[in-house]
Amino acid sequence: MESCQHLAQHRLESIPGAAHHALLERPEAYGACLERVLQEHESARGPMAGME
């Protein structure tokens, strides 16, 4: 976890009940985390992003 501390924008998501393979162990929770990150990223870009 400490290796990511130098990144300007980082986050740590913890998925209870999952170890090293969260996608396989808790696919619903993993998908929900991924969806949140993607929605936040898209919101930060603004409504006209990608229309250049």
PDB file of N, CA and C in Angstrom:
ATOM      1  N   MET A   1       0.815  -1.193   0.000  1.00  0.00           N
ATOM      2  CA  MET A   1       0.000   0.000   0.000  1.00  0.00           C
ATOM      3  C   MET A   1       0.859   1.257   0.000  1.00  0.00           C
ATOM      4  N   GLU A   2       1.997   1.217   0.669  1.00  0.00           N
ATOM      5  CA  GLU A   2       2.851   2.394   0.750  1.00  0.00           C
ATOM      6  C   GLU A   2       3.434   2.762  -0.605  1.00  0.00           C
ATOM      7  N   SER A   3       3.570   1.800  -1.515  1.00  0.00           N
ATOM      8  CA  SER A   3       4.174   2.095  -2.812  1.00  0.00           C
ATOM      9  C   SER A   3       3.304   3.034  -3.642  1.00  0.00           C
ATOM     10  N   CYS A   4       2.035   3.152  -3.351  1.00  0.00           N
ATOM     11  CA  CYS A   4       1.131   4.025  -4.105  1.00  0.00           C
ATOM     12  C   CYS A   4       1.065   5.438  -3.535  1.00  0.00           C
ATOM     13  N   GLN A   5       1.667   5.674  -2.389  1.00  0.00           N
ATOM     14  CA  GLN A   5       1.547   6.967  -1.719  1.00  0.00           C
ATOM     15  C   GLN A   5       2.133   8.112  -2.529  1.00  0.00           C
ATOM     16  N   HIS A   6       3.055   7.844  -3.438  1.00  0.00           N
ATOM     17  CA  HIS A   6       3.668   8.915  -4.223  1.00  0.00           C
ATOM     18  C   HIS A   6       2.782   9.372  -5.385  1.00  0.00           C
ATOM     19  N   LEU A   7       1.747   8.638  -5.700  1.00  0.00           N
ATOM     20  CA  LEU A   7       0.857   9.007  -6.801  1.00  0.00           C
ATOM     21  C   LEU A   7      -0.007  10.199  -6.401  1.00  0.00           C
ATOM     22  N   ALA A   8      -0.194  11.118  -7.334  1.00  0.00           N
ATOM     23  CA  ALA A   8      -0.975  12.328  -7.051  1.00  0.00           C
ATOM     24  C   ALA A   8      -2.422  11.986  -6.701  1.00  0.00           C
ATOM     25  N   GLN A   9      -3.018  11.110  -7.463  1.00  0.00           N
ATOM     26  CA  GLN A   9      -4.405  10.712  -7.213  1.00  0.00           C
ATOM     27  C   GLN A   9      -4.427   9.213  -6.990  1.00  0.00           C
ATOM     28  N   HIS A  10      -4.708   8.828  -5.778  1.00  0.00           N
ATOM     29  CA  HIS A  10      -4.772   7.412  -5.475  1.00  0.00           C
ATOM     30  C   HIS A  10      -5.894   7.164  -4.486  1.00  0.00           C
ATOM     31  N   ARG A  11      -6.293   5.934  -4.403  1.00  0.00           N
ATOM     32  CA  ARG A  11      -7.313   5.552  -3.436  1.00  0.00           C
ATOM     33  C   ARG A  11      -7.120   4.083  -3.102  1.00  0.00           C
ATOM     34  N   LEU A  12      -7.555   3.726  -1.939  1.00  0.00           N
ATOM     35  CA  LEU A  12      -7.511   2.351  -1.493  1.00  0.00           C
ATOM     36  C   LEU A  12      -8.941   1.908  -1.232  1.00  0.00           C
ATOM     37  N   GLU A  13      -9.338   0.870  -1.894  1.00  0.00           N
ATOM     38  CA  GLU A  13     -10.658   0.290  -1.677  1.00  0.00           C
ATOM     39  C   GLU A  13     -10.456  -1.049  -0.993  1.00  0.00           C
ATOM     40  N   SER A  14     -11.157  -1.261   0.085  1.00  0.00           N
ATOM     41  CA  SER A  14     -11.090  -2.523   0.814  1.00  0.00           C
ATOM     42  C   SER A  14     -12.377  -3.290   0.570  1.00  0.00           C
ATOM     43  N   ILE A  15     -12.240  -4.547   0.195  1.00  0.00           N
ATOM     44  CA  ILE A  15     -13.405  -5.400  -0.046  1.00  0.00           C
ATOM     45  C   ILE A  15     -13.393  -6.503   1.009  1.00  0.00           C
ATOM     46  N   PRO A  16     -14.233  -6.371   2.027  1.00  0.00           N
ATOM     47  CA  PRO A  16     -14.268  -7.374   3.094  1.00  0.00           C
ATOM     48  C   PRO A  16     -14.570  -8.769   2.540  1.00  0.00           C
ATOM     49  N   GLY A  17     -13.847  -9.740   3.044  1.00  0.00           N
ATOM     50  CA  GLY A  17     -14.069 -11.120   2.626  1.00  0.00           C
ATOM     51  C   GLY A  17     -13.300 -11.517   1.387  1.00  0.00           C
ATOM     52  N   ALA A  18     -12.509 -10.602   0.840  1.00  0.00           N
ATOM     53  CA  ALA A  18     -11.705 -10.910  -0.337  1.00  0.00           C
ATOM     54  C   ALA A  18     -10.232 -10.824   0.028  1.00  0.00           C
ATOM     55  N   ALA A  19      -9.431 -11.632  -0.612  1.00  0.00           N
ATOM     56  CA  ALA A  19      -7.988 -11.616  -0.359  1.00  0.00           C
ATOM     57  C   ALA A  19      -7.280 -11.051  -1.587  1.00  0.00           C
ATOM     58  N   HIS A  20      -6.627 -11.901  -2.340  1.00  0.00           N
ATOM     59  CA  HIS A  20      -5.832 -11.439  -3.483  1.00  0.00           C
ATOM     60  C   HIS A  20      -6.599 -11.425  -4.796  1.00  0.00           C
ATOM     61  N   HIS A  21      -7.725 -12.061  -4.859  1.00  0.00           N
ATOM     62  CA  HIS A  21      -8.480 -12.165  -6.110  1.00  0.00           C
ATOM     63  C   HIS A  21      -9.910 -11.673  -5.901  1.00  0.00           C
ATOM     64  N   ALA A  22     -10.036 -10.401  -5.571  1.00  0.00           N
ATOM     65  CA  ALA A  22     -11.352  -9.830  -5.257  1.00  0.00           C
ATOM     66  C   ALA A  22     -12.334 -10.006  -6.408  1.00  0.00           C
ATOM     67  N   LEU A  23     -11.859  -9.906  -7.624  1.00  0.00           N
ATOM     68  CA  LEU A  23     -12.746 -10.059  -8.782  1.00  0.00           C
ATOM     69  C   LEU A  23     -13.406 -11.440  -8.793  1.00  0.00           C
ATOM     70  N   LEU A  24     -12.653 -12.458  -8.396  1.00  0.00           N
ATOM     71  CA  LEU A  24     -13.200 -13.816  -8.372  1.00  0.00           C
ATOM     72  C   LEU A  24     -13.910 -14.130  -7.063  1.00  0.00           C
ATOM     73  N   GLU A  25     -13.403 -13.577  -5.958  1.00  0.00           N
ATOM     74  CA  GLU A  25     -13.943 -13.903  -4.645  1.00  0.00           C
ATOM     75  C   GLU A  25     -15.219 -13.129  -4.312  1.00  0.00           C
ATOM     76  N   ARG A  26     -15.277 -11.890  -4.721  1.00  0.00           N
ATOM     77  CA  ARG A  26     -16.436 -11.025  -4.420  1.00  0.00           C
ATOM     78  C   ARG A  26     -16.766 -10.192  -5.661  1.00  0.00           C
ATOM     79  N   PRO A  27     -17.207 -10.819  -6.746  1.00  0.00           N
ATOM     80  CA  PRO A  27     -17.414 -10.090  -7.996  1.00  0.00           C
ATOM     81  C   PRO A  27     -18.406  -8.931  -7.899  1.00  0.00           C
ATOM     82  N   GLU A  28     -19.455  -9.067  -7.093  1.00  0.00           N
ATOM     83  CA  GLU A  28     -20.436  -7.985  -6.978  1.00  0.00           C
ATOM     84  C   GLU A  28     -19.815  -6.763  -6.299  1.00  0.00           C
ATOM     85  N   ALA A  29     -19.077  -7.000  -5.223  1.00  0.00           N
ATOM     86  CA  ALA A  29     -18.431  -5.899  -4.498  1.00  0.00           C
ATOM     87  C   ALA A  29     -17.349  -5.260  -5.359  1.00  0.00           C
ATOM     88  N   TYR A  30     -16.588  -6.073  -6.057  1.00  0.00           N
ATOM     89  CA  TYR A  30     -15.545  -5.566  -6.945  1.00  0.00           C
ATOM     90  C   TYR A  30     -16.165  -4.698  -8.039  1.00  0.00           C
ATOM     91  N   GLY A  31     -17.226  -5.186  -8.647  1.00  0.00           N
ATOM     92  CA  GLY A  31     -17.905  -4.443  -9.697  1.00  0.00           C
ATOM     93  C   GLY A  31     -18.456  -3.118  -9.200  1.00  0.00           C
ATOM     94  N   ALA A  32     -18.989  -3.109  -7.984  1.00  0.00           N
ATOM     95  CA  ALA A  32     -19.523  -1.873  -7.403  1.00  0.00           C
ATOM     96  C   ALA A  32     -18.406  -0.854  -7.179  1.00  0.00           C
ATOM     97  N   CYS A  33     -17.262  -1.304  -6.687  1.00  0.00           N
ATOM     98  CA  CYS A  33     -16.114  -0.406  -6.494  1.00  0.00           C
ATOM     99  C   CYS A  33     -15.641   0.149  -7.827  1.00  0.00           C
ATOM    100  N   LEU A  34     -15.524  -0.713  -8.807  1.00  0.00           N
ATOM    101  CA  LEU A  34     -15.072  -0.285 -10.129  1.00  0.00           C
ATOM    102  C   LEU A  34     -16.048   0.719 -10.735  1.00  0.00           C
ATOM    103  N   GLU A  35     -17.332   0.458 -10.602  1.00  0.00           N
ATOM    104  CA  GLU A  35     -18.351   1.364 -11.134  1.00  0.00           C
ATOM    105  C   GLU A  35     -18.256   2.740 -10.476  1.00  0.00           C
ATOM    106  N   ARG A  36     -18.052   2.779  -9.149  1.00  0.00           N
ATOM    107  CA  ARG A  36     -17.903   4.059  -8.441  1.00  0.00           C
ATOM    108  C   ARG A  36     -16.703   4.835  -8.965  1.00  0.00           C
ATOM    109  N   VAL A  37     -15.579   4.166  -9.117  1.00  0.00           N
ATOM    110  CA  VAL A  37     -14.366   4.827  -9.601  1.00  0.00           C
ATOM    111  C   VAL A  37     -14.587   5.372 -11.009  1.00  0.00           C
ATOM    112  N   LEU A  38     -15.177   4.591 -11.880  1.00  0.00           N
ATOM    113  CA  LEU A  38     -15.412   5.036 -13.254  1.00  0.00           C
ATOM    114  C   LEU A  38     -16.399   6.200 -13.313  1.00  0.00           C
ATOM    115  N   GLN A  39     -17.439   6.157 -12.501  1.00  0.00           N
ATOM    116  CA  GLN A  39     -18.397   7.256 -12.475  1.00  0.00           C
ATOM    117  C   GLN A  39     -17.752   8.535 -11.951  1.00  0.00           C
ATOM    118  N   GLU A  40     -16.938   8.418 -10.912  1.00  0.00           N
ATOM    119  CA  GLU A  40     -16.254   9.592 -10.374  1.00  0.00           C
ATOM    120  C   GLU A  40     -15.293  10.172 -11.403  1.00  0.00           C
ATOM    121  N   HIS A  41     -14.593   9.304 -12.111  1.00  0.00           N
ATOM    122  CA  HIS A  41     -13.658   9.757 -13.146  1.00  0.00           C
ATOM    123  C   HIS A  41     -14.409  10.476 -14.266  1.00  0.00           C
ATOM    124  N   GLU A  42     -15.504   9.899 -14.694  1.00  0.00           N
ATOM    125  CA  GLU A  42     -16.300  10.496 -15.776  1.00  0.00           C
ATOM    126  C   GLU A  42     -16.879  11.841 -15.326  1.00  0.00           C
ATOM    127  N   SER A  43     -17.356  11.922 -14.088  1.00  0.00           N
ATOM    128  CA  SER A  43     -17.908  13.172 -13.563  1.00  0.00           C
ATOM    129  C   SER A  43     -16.845  14.259 -13.503  1.00  0.00           C
ATOM    130  N   ALA A  44     -15.627  13.876 -13.145  1.00  0.00           N
ATOM    131  CA  ALA A  44     -14.531  14.842 -13.039  1.00  0.00           C
ATOM    132  C   ALA A  44     -14.130  15.397 -14.392  1.00  0.00           C
ATOM    133  N   ARG A  45     -14.339  14.625 -15.447  1.00  0.00           N
ATOM    134  CA  ARG A  45     -13.976  15.064 -16.796  1.00  0.00           C
ATOM    135  C   ARG A  45     -14.963  16.103 -17.321  1.00  0.00           C
ATOM    136  N   GLY A  46     -16.176  16.072 -16.858  1.00  0.00           N
ATOM    137  CA  GLY A  46     -17.170  17.038 -17.320  1.00  0.00           C
ATOM    138  C   GLY A  46     -18.027  16.477 -18.439  1.00  0.00           C
ATOM    139  N   PRO A  47     -19.153  17.125 -18.697  1.00  0.00           N
ATOM    140  CA  PRO A  47     -20.110  16.603 -19.680  1.00  0.00           C
ATOM    141  C   PRO A  47     -19.634  16.662 -21.132  1.00  0.00           C
ATOM    142  N   MET A  48     -18.702  17.547 -21.452  1.00  0.00           N
ATOM    143  CA  MET A  48     -18.245  17.679 -22.838  1.00  0.00           C
ATOM    144  C   MET A  48     -16.935  16.949 -23.101  1.00  0.00           C
ATOM    145  N   ALA A  49     -16.407  16.226 -22.140  1.00  0.00           N
ATOM    146  CA  ALA A  49     -15.146  15.516 -22.319  1.00  0.00           C
ATOM    147  C   ALA A  49     -15.296  14.464 -23.405  1.00  0.00           C
ATOM    148  N   GLY A  50     -14.295  14.327 -24.215  1.00  0.00           N
ATOM    149  CA  GLY A  50     -14.295  13.326 -25.271  1.00  0.00           C
ATOM    150  C   GLY A  50     -15.030  13.743 -26.519  1.00  0.00           C
ATOM    151  N   MET A  51     -15.550  14.965 -26.571  1.00  0.00           N
ATOM    152  CA  MET A  51     -16.285  15.428 -27.734  1.00  0.00           C
ATOM    153  C   MET A  51     -15.449  16.351 -28.607  1.00  0.00           C
ATOM    154  N   GLU A  52     -14.112  16.405 -28.341  1.00  0.00           N
ATOM    155  CA  GLU A  52     -13.267  17.284 -29.141  1.00  0.00           C
ATOM    156  C   GLU A  52     -13.135  16.754 -30.537  1.00  0.00           C
TER     157      GLU A  52
END
